[in-house]
Amino acid sequence: AVNAVAGGGSLLSFPALLAVGYPALTANVTNTVALTPGYFG
């Protein structure tokens, strides 16, 4: 939702991936793949 309006949504999803235990690099690439449908929406 935030990305659709202006941007900055990764500041929510990327830290969430870190919080559940993913390493930073894995969290970043996973975040990119996971948020792609959001940009399409």
PDB file of all heavy atoms in Angstrom:
ATOM      1  N   ALA A   1       0.824  -1.207   0.000  1.00  0.00           N
ATOM      2  CA  ALA A   1       0.000   0.000   0.000  1.00  0.00           C
ATOM      3  C   ALA A   1       0.858   1.257   0.000  1.00  0.00           C
ATOM      4  O   ALA A   1       0.605   2.200  -0.757  1.00  0.00           O
ATOM      5  CB  ALA A   1      -0.928  -0.012   1.213  1.00  0.00           C
ATOM      6  N   VAL A   2       1.883   1.285   0.851  1.00  0.00           N
ATOM      7  CA  VAL A   2       2.754   2.463   0.940  1.00  0.00           C
ATOM      8  C   VAL A   2       3.493   2.687  -0.371  1.00  0.00           C
ATOM      9  O   VAL A   2       3.623   3.822  -0.847  1.00  0.00           O
ATOM     10  CB  VAL A   2       3.739   2.304   2.115  1.00  0.00           C
ATOM     11  CG1 VAL A   2       4.807   3.397   2.082  1.00  0.00           C
ATOM     12  CG2 VAL A   2       2.995   2.350   3.445  1.00  0.00           C
ATOM     13  N   ASN A   3       3.975   1.613  -0.994  1.00  0.00           N
ATOM     14  CA  ASN A   3       4.685   1.747  -2.261  1.00  0.00           C
ATOM     15  C   ASN A   3       3.769   2.274  -3.362  1.00  0.00           C
ATOM     16  O   ASN A   3       4.193   3.029  -4.237  1.00  0.00           O
ATOM     17  CB  ASN A   3       5.281   0.402  -2.691  1.00  0.00           C
ATOM     18  CG  ASN A   3       6.552   0.073  -1.937  1.00  0.00           C
ATOM     19  OD1 ASN A   3       7.239   0.954  -1.443  1.00  0.00           O
ATOM     20  ND2 ASN A   3       6.876  -1.204  -1.849  1.00  0.00           N
ATOM     21  N   ALA A   4       2.502   1.878  -3.333  1.00  0.00           N
ATOM     22  CA  ALA A   4       1.565   2.342  -4.356  1.00  0.00           C
ATOM     23  C   ALA A   4       1.303   3.831  -4.233  1.00  0.00           C
ATOM     24  O   ALA A   4       1.115   4.529  -5.236  1.00  0.00           O
ATOM     25  CB  ALA A   4       0.245   1.566  -4.253  1.00  0.00           C
ATOM     26  N   VAL A   5       1.305   4.344  -3.007  1.00  0.00           N
ATOM     27  CA  VAL A   5       0.986   5.753  -2.795  1.00  0.00           C
ATOM     28  C   VAL A   5       2.200   6.648  -3.026  1.00  0.00           C
ATOM     29  O   VAL A   5       2.115   7.643  -3.728  1.00  0.00           O
ATOM     30  CB  VAL A   5       0.415   5.971  -1.387  1.00  0.00           C
ATOM     31  CG1 VAL A   5       0.234   7.447  -1.096  1.00  0.00           C
ATOM     32  CG2 VAL A   5      -0.905   5.241  -1.271  1.00  0.00           C
ATOM     33  N   ALA A   6       3.337   6.299  -2.450  1.00  0.00           N
ATOM     34  CA  ALA A   6       4.502   7.167  -2.605  1.00  0.00           C
ATOM     35  C   ALA A   6       5.791   6.376  -2.666  1.00  0.00           C
ATOM     36  O   ALA A   6       6.599   6.529  -3.556  1.00  0.00           O
ATOM     37  CB  ALA A   6       4.566   8.187  -1.460  1.00  0.00           C
ATOM     38  N   GLY A   7       6.018   5.489  -1.736  1.00  0.00           N
ATOM     39  CA  GLY A   7       7.263   4.735  -1.657  1.00  0.00           C
ATOM     40  C   GLY A   7       7.722   4.622  -0.215  1.00  0.00           C
ATOM     41  O   GLY A   7       7.228   5.314   0.667  1.00  0.00           O
ATOM     42  N   GLY A   8       8.681   3.749   0.020  1.00  0.00           N
ATOM     43  CA  GLY A   8       9.201   3.537   1.364  1.00  0.00           C
ATOM     44  C   GLY A   8       8.665   2.286   2.023  1.00  0.00           C
ATOM     45  O   GLY A   8       8.953   2.026   3.187  1.00  0.00           O
ATOM     46  N   GLY A   9       7.888   1.477   1.276  1.00  0.00           N
ATOM     47  CA  GLY A   9       7.297   0.282   1.865  1.00  0.00           C
ATOM     48  C   GLY A   9       8.308  -0.743   2.324  1.00  0.00           C
ATOM     49  O   GLY A   9       8.056  -1.495   3.273  1.00  0.00           O
ATOM     50  N   SER A  10       9.477  -0.777   1.694  1.00  0.00           N
ATOM     51  CA  SER A  10      10.502  -1.741   2.104  1.00  0.00           C
ATOM     52  C   SER A  10      11.020  -1.480   3.514  1.00  0.00           C
ATOM     53  O   SER A  10      11.609  -2.362   4.132  1.00  0.00           O
ATOM     54  CB  SER A  10      11.679  -1.726   1.114  1.00  0.00           C
ATOM     55  OG  SER A  10      11.324  -2.347  -0.092  1.00  0.00           O
ATOM     56  N   LEU A  11      10.808  -0.242   4.008  1.00  0.00           N
ATOM     57  CA  LEU A  11      11.190   0.033   5.395  1.00  0.00           C
ATOM     58  C   LEU A  11      10.288  -0.701   6.380  1.00  0.00           C
ATOM     59  O   LEU A  11      10.577  -0.747   7.578  1.00  0.00           O
ATOM     60  CB  LEU A  11      11.151   1.535   5.668  1.00  0.00           C
ATOM     61  CG  LEU A  11      12.335   2.333   5.129  1.00  0.00           C
ATOM     62  CD1 LEU A  11      12.111   3.820   5.331  1.00  0.00           C
ATOM     63  CD2 LEU A  11      13.624   1.894   5.797  1.00  0.00           C
ATOM     64  N   LEU A  12       9.198  -1.274   5.897  1.00  0.00           N
ATOM     65  CA  LEU A  12       8.335  -2.117   6.722  1.00  0.00           C
ATOM     66  C   LEU A  12       8.626  -3.602   6.502  1.00  0.00           C
ATOM     67  O   LEU A  12       8.768  -4.369   7.449  1.00  0.00           O
ATOM     68  CB  LEU A  12       6.864  -1.828   6.410  1.00  0.00           C
ATOM     69  CG  LEU A  12       6.362  -0.433   6.755  1.00  0.00           C
ATOM     70  CD1 LEU A  12       5.004  -0.191   6.118  1.00  0.00           C
ATOM     71  CD2 LEU A  12       6.272  -0.256   8.262  1.00  0.00           C
ATOM     72  N   SER A  13       8.728  -4.011   5.237  1.00  0.00           N
ATOM     73  CA  SER A  13       8.860  -5.429   4.927  1.00  0.00           C
ATOM     74  C   SER A  13      10.277  -5.961   5.140  1.00  0.00           C
ATOM     75  O   SER A  13      10.455  -7.090   5.617  1.00  0.00           O
ATOM     76  CB  SER A  13       8.413  -5.696   3.482  1.00  0.00           C
ATOM     77  OG  SER A  13       9.083  -4.839   2.579  1.00  0.00           O
ATOM     78  N   PHE A  14      11.300  -5.174   4.800  1.00  0.00           N
ATOM     79  CA  PHE A  14      12.675  -5.628   4.983  1.00  0.00           C
ATOM     80  C   PHE A  14      13.010  -5.849   6.457  1.00  0.00           C
ATOM     81  O   PHE A  14      13.530  -6.911   6.823  1.00  0.00           O
ATOM     82  CB  PHE A  14      13.647  -4.635   4.327  1.00  0.00           C
ATOM     83  CG  PHE A  14      15.097  -4.979   4.515  1.00  0.00           C
ATOM     84  CD1 PHE A  14      15.671  -6.042   3.838  1.00  0.00           C
ATOM     85  CD2 PHE A  14      15.893  -4.238   5.373  1.00  0.00           C
ATOM     86  CE1 PHE A  14      17.017  -6.362   4.010  1.00  0.00           C
ATOM     87  CE2 PHE A  14      17.230  -4.540   5.554  1.00  0.00           C
ATOM     88  CZ  PHE A  14      17.801  -5.607   4.870  1.00  0.00           C
ATOM     89  N   PRO A  15      12.722  -4.896   7.352  1.00  0.00           N
ATOM     90  CA  PRO A  15      12.972  -5.167   8.768  1.00  0.00           C
ATOM     91  C   PRO A  15      12.153  -6.347   9.308  1.00  0.00           C
ATOM     92  O   PRO A  15      12.605  -7.042  10.227  1.00  0.00           O
ATOM     93  CB  PRO A  15      12.562  -3.857   9.462  1.00  0.00           C
ATOM     94  CG  PRO A  15      12.712  -2.822   8.410  1.00  0.00           C
ATOM     95  CD  PRO A  15      12.307  -3.491   7.141  1.00  0.00           C
ATOM     96  N   ALA A  16      10.953  -6.575   8.772  1.00  0.00           N
ATOM     97  CA  ALA A  16      10.157  -7.722   9.221  1.00  0.00           C
ATOM     98  C   ALA A  16      10.877  -9.026   8.895  1.00  0.00           C
ATOM     99  O   ALA A  16      10.875  -9.973   9.704  1.00  0.00           O
ATOM    100  CB  ALA A  16       8.778  -7.692   8.569  1.00  0.00           C
ATOM    101  N   LEU A  17      11.494  -9.099   7.730  1.00  0.00           N
ATOM    102  CA  LEU A  17      12.269 -10.292   7.365  1.00  0.00           C
ATOM    103  C   LEU A  17      13.482 -10.458   8.274  1.00  0.00           C
ATOM    104  O   LEU A  17      13.834 -11.583   8.663  1.00  0.00           O
ATOM    105  CB  LEU A  17      12.700 -10.203   5.901  1.00  0.00           C
ATOM    106  CG  LEU A  17      11.584 -10.445   4.870  1.00  0.00           C
ATOM    107  CD1 LEU A  17      11.974  -9.888   3.507  1.00  0.00           C
ATOM    108  CD2 LEU A  17      11.279 -11.940   4.773  1.00  0.00           C
ATOM    109  N   LEU A  18      14.129  -9.338   8.613  1.00  0.00           N
ATOM    110  CA  LEU A  18      15.246  -9.416   9.559  1.00  0.00           C
ATOM    111  C   LEU A  18      14.764  -9.898  10.930  1.00  0.00           C
ATOM    112  O   LEU A  18      15.434 -10.685  11.598  1.00  0.00           O
ATOM    113  CB  LEU A  18      15.916  -8.046   9.701  1.00  0.00           C
ATOM    114  CG  LEU A  18      16.611  -7.458   8.472  1.00  0.00           C
ATOM    115  CD1 LEU A  18      17.148  -6.071   8.798  1.00  0.00           C
ATOM    116  CD2 LEU A  18      17.740  -8.365   8.001  1.00  0.00           C
ATOM    117  N   ALA A  19      13.580  -9.431  11.334  1.00  0.00           N
ATOM    118  CA  ALA A  19      13.064  -9.744  12.668  1.00  0.00           C
ATOM    119  C   ALA A  19      12.767 -11.226  12.839  1.00  0.00           C
ATOM    120  O   ALA A  19      12.866 -11.753  13.955  1.00  0.00           O
ATOM    121  CB  ALA A  19      11.797  -8.924  12.942  1.00  0.00           C
ATOM    122  N   VAL A  20      12.385 -11.903  11.754  1.00  0.00           N
ATOM    123  CA  VAL A  20      12.076 -13.332  11.879  1.00  0.00           C
ATOM    124  C   VAL A  20      13.306 -14.198  11.677  1.00  0.00           C
ATOM    125  O   VAL A  20      13.212 -15.432  11.727  1.00  0.00           O
ATOM    126  CB  VAL A  20      10.961 -13.753  10.903  1.00  0.00           C
ATOM    127  CG1 VAL A  20       9.696 -12.952  11.166  1.00  0.00           C
ATOM    128  CG2 VAL A  20      11.400 -13.629   9.445  1.00  0.00           C
ATOM    129  N   GLY A  21      14.475 -13.584  11.457  1.00  0.00           N
ATOM    130  CA  GLY A  21      15.707 -14.351  11.480  1.00  0.00           C
ATOM    131  C   GLY A  21      16.460 -14.503  10.175  1.00  0.00           C
ATOM    132  O   GLY A  21      17.463 -15.222  10.130  1.00  0.00           O
ATOM    133  N   TYR A  22      16.031 -13.823   9.109  1.00  0.00           N
ATOM    134  CA  TYR A  22      16.751 -13.952   7.842  1.00  0.00           C
ATOM    135  C   TYR A  22      17.994 -13.071   7.840  1.00  0.00           C
ATOM    136  O   TYR A  22      17.957 -11.932   8.321  1.00  0.00           O
ATOM    137  CB  TYR A  22      15.858 -13.564   6.665  1.00  0.00           C
ATOM    138  CG  TYR A  22      14.790 -14.571   6.365  1.00  0.00           C
ATOM    139  CD1 TYR A  22      13.474 -14.358   6.762  1.00  0.00           C
ATOM    140  CD2 TYR A  22      15.091 -15.750   5.687  1.00  0.00           C
ATOM    141  CE1 TYR A  22      12.483 -15.287   6.499  1.00  0.00           C
ATOM    142  CE2 TYR A  22      14.101 -16.689   5.422  1.00  0.00           C
ATOM    143  CZ  TYR A  22      12.802 -16.451   5.825  1.00  0.00           C
ATOM    144  OH  TYR A  22      11.824 -17.376   5.568  1.00  0.00           O
ATOM    145  N   PRO A  23      19.121 -13.557   7.291  1.00  0.00           N
ATOM    146  CA  PRO A  23      20.299 -12.697   7.115  1.00  0.00           C
ATOM    147  C   PRO A  23      19.971 -11.528   6.195  1.00  0.00           C
ATOM    148  O   PRO A  23      19.054 -11.612   5.366  1.00  0.00           O
ATOM    149  CB  PRO A  23      21.337 -13.639   6.464  1.00  0.00           C
ATOM    150  CG  PRO A  23      20.850 -15.016   6.731  1.00  0.00           C
ATOM    151  CD  PRO A  23      19.351 -14.930   6.808  1.00  0.00           C
ATOM    152  N   ALA A  24      20.735 -10.443   6.302  1.00  0.00           N
ATOM    153  CA  ALA A  24      20.405  -9.209   5.579  1.00  0.00           C
ATOM    154  C   ALA A  24      20.338  -9.419   4.070  1.00  0.00           C
ATOM    155  O   ALA A  24      19.409  -8.935   3.412  1.00  0.00           O
ATOM    156  CB  ALA A  24      21.426  -8.123   5.917  1.00  0.00           C
ATOM    157  N   LEU A  25      21.311 -10.123   3.491  1.00  0.00           N
ATOM    158  CA  LEU A  25      21.324 -10.298   2.044  1.00  0.00           C
ATOM    159  C   LEU A  25      20.145 -11.142   1.577  1.00  0.00           C
ATOM    160  O   LEU A  25      19.475 -10.816   0.591  1.00  0.00           O
ATOM    161  CB  LEU A  25      22.644 -10.933   1.603  1.00  0.00           C
ATOM    162  CG  LEU A  25      22.898 -10.989   0.090  1.00  0.00           C
ATOM    163  CD1 LEU A  25      22.799  -9.605  -0.531  1.00  0.00           C
ATOM    164  CD2 LEU A  25      24.251 -11.619  -0.210  1.00  0.00           C
ATOM    165  N   THR A  26      19.868 -12.228   2.291  1.00  0.00           N
ATOM    166  CA  THR A  26      18.717 -13.071   1.956  1.00  0.00           C
ATOM    167  C   THR A  26      17.418 -12.295   2.122  1.00  0.00           C
ATOM    168  O   THR A  26      16.504 -12.400   1.298  1.00  0.00           O
ATOM    169  CB  THR A  26      18.684 -14.320   2.845  1.00  0.00           C
ATOM    170  OG1 THR A  26      19.899 -15.056   2.672  1.00  0.00           O
ATOM    171  CG2 THR A  26      17.501 -15.219   2.497  1.00  0.00           C
ATOM    172  N   ALA A  27      17.346 -11.486   3.192  1.00  0.00           N
ATOM    173  CA  ALA A  27      16.145 -10.675   3.412  1.00  0.00           C
ATOM    174  C   ALA A  27      15.935  -9.693   2.276  1.00  0.00           C
ATOM    175  O   ALA A  27      14.806  -9.464   1.833  1.00  0.00           O
ATOM    176  CB  ALA A  27      16.251  -9.934   4.745  1.00  0.00           C
ATOM    177  N   ASN A  28      17.016  -9.106   1.774  1.00  0.00           N
ATOM    178  CA  ASN A  28      16.894  -8.109   0.711  1.00  0.00           C
ATOM    179  C   ASN A  28      16.392  -8.726  -0.593  1.00  0.00           C
ATOM    180  O   ASN A  28      15.461  -8.204  -1.216  1.00  0.00           O
ATOM    181  CB  ASN A  28      18.250  -7.437   0.477  1.00  0.00           C
ATOM    182  CG  ASN A  28      18.158  -6.279  -0.498  1.00  0.00           C
ATOM    183  OD1 ASN A  28      17.362  -5.363  -0.314  1.00  0.00           O
ATOM    184  ND2 ASN A  28      18.955  -6.324  -1.551  1.00  0.00           N
ATOM    185  N   VAL A  29      16.993  -9.848  -1.018  1.00  0.00           N
ATOM    186  CA  VAL A  29      16.561 -10.450  -2.282  1.00  0.00           C
ATOM    187  C   VAL A  29      15.157 -11.034  -2.157  1.00  0.00           C
ATOM    188  O   VAL A  29      14.348 -10.972  -3.094  1.00  0.00           O
ATOM    189  CB  VAL A  29      17.574 -11.511  -2.771  1.00  0.00           C
ATOM    190  CG1 VAL A  29      18.933 -10.873  -3.033  1.00  0.00           C
ATOM    191  CG2 VAL A  29      17.725 -12.668  -1.784  1.00  0.00           C
ATOM    192  N   THR A  30      14.840 -11.597  -0.984  1.00  0.00           N
ATOM    193  CA  THR A  30      13.495 -12.134  -0.759  1.00  0.00           C
ATOM    194  C   THR A  30      12.462 -11.011  -0.769  1.00  0.00           C
ATOM    195  O   THR A  30      11.374 -11.145  -1.345  1.00  0.00           O
ATOM    196  CB  THR A  30      13.444 -12.890   0.577  1.00  0.00           C
ATOM    197  OG1 THR A  30      14.371 -13.979   0.535  1.00  0.00           O
ATOM    198  CG2 THR A  30      12.053 -13.433   0.859  1.00  0.00           C
ATOM    199  N   ASN A  31      12.803  -9.901  -0.154  1.00  0.00           N
ATOM    200  CA  ASN A  31      11.911  -8.739  -0.129  1.00  0.00           C
ATOM    201  C   ASN A  31      11.627  -8.236  -1.539  1.00  0.00           C
ATOM    202  O   ASN A  31      10.487  -7.904  -1.878  1.00  0.00           O
ATOM    203  CB  ASN A  31      12.547  -7.634   0.711  1.00  0.00           C
ATOM    204  CG  ASN A  31      11.647  -6.434   0.882  1.00  0.00           C
ATOM    205  OD1 ASN A  31      10.590  -6.520   1.477  1.00  0.00           O
ATOM    206  ND2 ASN A  31      12.079  -5.300   0.342  1.00  0.00           N
ATOM    207  N   THR A  32      12.648  -8.163  -2.372  1.00  0.00           N
ATOM    208  CA  THR A  32      12.477  -7.702  -3.753  1.00  0.00           C
ATOM    209  C   THR A  32      11.512  -8.597  -4.516  1.00  0.00           C
ATOM    210  O   THR A  32      10.594  -8.116  -5.197  1.00  0.00           O
ATOM    211  CB  THR A  32      13.836  -7.663  -4.476  1.00  0.00           C
ATOM    212  OG1 THR A  32      14.687  -6.721  -3.823  1.00  0.00           O
ATOM    213  CG2 THR A  32      13.680  -7.266  -5.931  1.00  0.00           C
ATOM    214  N   VAL A  33      11.709  -9.909  -4.414  1.00  0.00           N
ATOM    215  CA  VAL A  33      10.840 -10.850  -5.122  1.00  0.00           C
ATOM    216  C   VAL A  33       9.414 -10.770  -4.574  1.00  0.00           C
ATOM    217  O   VAL A  33       8.439 -10.737  -5.329  1.00  0.00           O
ATOM    218  CB  VAL A  33      11.383 -12.287  -5.004  1.00  0.00           C
ATOM    219  CG1 VAL A  33      10.419 -13.288  -5.649  1.00  0.00           C
ATOM    220  CG2 VAL A  33      12.764 -12.390  -5.658  1.00  0.00           C
ATOM    221  N   ALA A  34       9.289 -10.700  -3.255  1.00  0.00           N
ATOM    222  CA  ALA A  34       7.969 -10.748  -2.626  1.00  0.00           C
ATOM    223  C   ALA A  34       7.135  -9.505  -2.901  1.00  0.00           C
ATOM    224  O   ALA A  34       5.902  -9.585  -2.990  1.00  0.00           O
ATOM    225  CB  ALA A  34       8.120 -10.944  -1.116  1.00  0.00           C
ATOM    226  N   LEU A  35       7.773  -8.335  -3.050  1.00  0.00           N
ATOM    227  CA  LEU A  35       7.025  -7.095  -3.242  1.00  0.00           C
ATOM    228  C   LEU A  35       6.703  -6.786  -4.703  1.00  0.00           C
ATOM    229  O   LEU A  35       5.939  -5.858  -4.978  1.00  0.00           O
ATOM    230  CB  LEU A  35       7.785  -5.906  -2.638  1.00  0.00           C
ATOM    231  CG  LEU A  35       7.910  -5.874  -1.116  1.00  0.00           C
ATOM    232  CD1 LEU A  35       8.474  -4.526  -0.664  1.00  0.00           C
ATOM    233  CD2 LEU A  35       6.587  -6.156  -0.422  1.00  0.00           C
ATOM    234  N   THR A  36       7.260  -7.553  -5.618  1.00  0.00           N
ATOM    235  CA  THR A  36       6.985  -7.306  -7.038  1.00  0.00           C
ATOM    236  C   THR A  36       5.490  -7.340  -7.364  1.00  0.00           C
ATOM    237  O   THR A  36       4.991  -6.469  -8.086  1.00  0.00           O
ATOM    238  CB  THR A  36       7.758  -8.297  -7.921  1.00  0.00           C
ATOM    239  OG1 THR A  36       9.167  -8.132  -7.691  1.00  0.00           O
ATOM    240  CG2 THR A  36       7.476  -8.058  -9.395  1.00  0.00           C
ATOM    241  N   PRO A  37       4.719  -8.312  -6.847  1.00  0.00           N
ATOM    242  CA  PRO A  37       3.272  -8.282  -7.121  1.00  0.00           C
ATOM    243  C   PRO A  37       2.592  -7.023  -6.592  1.00  0.00           C
ATOM    244  O   PRO A  37       1.593  -6.569  -7.165  1.00  0.00           O
ATOM    245  CB  PRO A  37       2.750  -9.534  -6.395  1.00  0.00           C
ATOM    246  CG  PRO A  37       3.920 -10.443  -6.322  1.00  0.00           C
ATOM    247  CD  PRO A  37       5.100  -9.545  -6.124  1.00  0.00           C
ATOM    248  N   GLY A  38       3.114  -6.444  -5.522  1.00  0.00           N
ATOM    249  CA  GLY A  38       2.538  -5.214  -4.990  1.00  0.00           C
ATOM    250  C   GLY A  38       2.669  -4.060  -5.966  1.00  0.00           C
ATOM    251  O   GLY A  38       1.738  -3.252  -6.132  1.00  0.00           O
ATOM    252  N   TYR A  39       3.824  -3.961  -6.619  1.00  0.00           N
ATOM    253  CA  TYR A  39       3.997  -2.920  -7.637  1.00  0.00           C
ATOM    254  C   TYR A  39       3.055  -3.153  -8.808  1.00  0.00           C
ATOM    255  O   TYR A  39       2.525  -2.199  -9.400  1.00  0.00           O
ATOM    256  CB  TYR A  39       5.446  -2.902  -8.130  1.00  0.00           C
ATOM    257  CG  TYR A  39       6.422  -2.342  -7.134  1.00  0.00           C
ATOM    258  CD1 TYR A  39       7.347  -3.157  -6.480  1.00  0.00           C
ATOM    259  CD2 TYR A  39       6.444  -0.974  -6.838  1.00  0.00           C
ATOM    260  CE1 TYR A  39       8.251  -2.636  -5.564  1.00  0.00           C
ATOM    261  CE2 TYR A  39       7.343  -0.443  -5.932  1.00  0.00           C
ATOM    262  CZ  TYR A  39       8.240  -1.288  -5.296  1.00  0.00           C
ATOM    263  OH  TYR A  39       9.122  -0.764  -4.385  1.00  0.00           O
ATOM    264  N   PHE A  40       2.834  -4.414  -9.156  1.00  0.00           N
ATOM    265  CA  PHE A  40       1.887  -4.737 -10.229  1.00  0.00           C
ATOM    266  C   PHE A  40       0.474  -4.310  -9.843  1.00  0.00           C
ATOM    267  O   PHE A  40      -0.258  -3.737 -10.650  1.00  0.00           O
ATOM    268  CB  PHE A  40       1.940  -6.238 -10.522  1.00  0.00           C
ATOM    269  CG  PHE A  40       0.969  -6.669 -11.586  1.00  0.00           C
ATOM    270  CD1 PHE A  40       1.163  -6.320 -12.906  1.00  0.00           C
ATOM    271  CD2 PHE A  40      -0.148  -7.429 -11.256  1.00  0.00           C
ATOM    272  CE1 PHE A  40       0.260  -6.711 -13.894  1.00  0.00           C
ATOM    273  CE2 PHE A  40      -1.049  -7.828 -12.225  1.00  0.00           C
ATOM    274  CZ  PHE A  40      -0.846  -7.463 -13.555  1.00  0.00           C
ATOM    275  N   GLY A  41       0.097  -4.576  -8.585  1.00  0.00           N
ATOM    276  CA  GLY A  41      -1.227  -4.174  -8.114  1.00  0.00           C
ATOM    277  C   GLY A  41      -1.403  -2.669  -8.141  1.00  0.00           C
ATOM    278  O   GLY A  41      -2.462  -2.161  -8.536  1.00  0.00           O
TER     279      GLY A  41
END
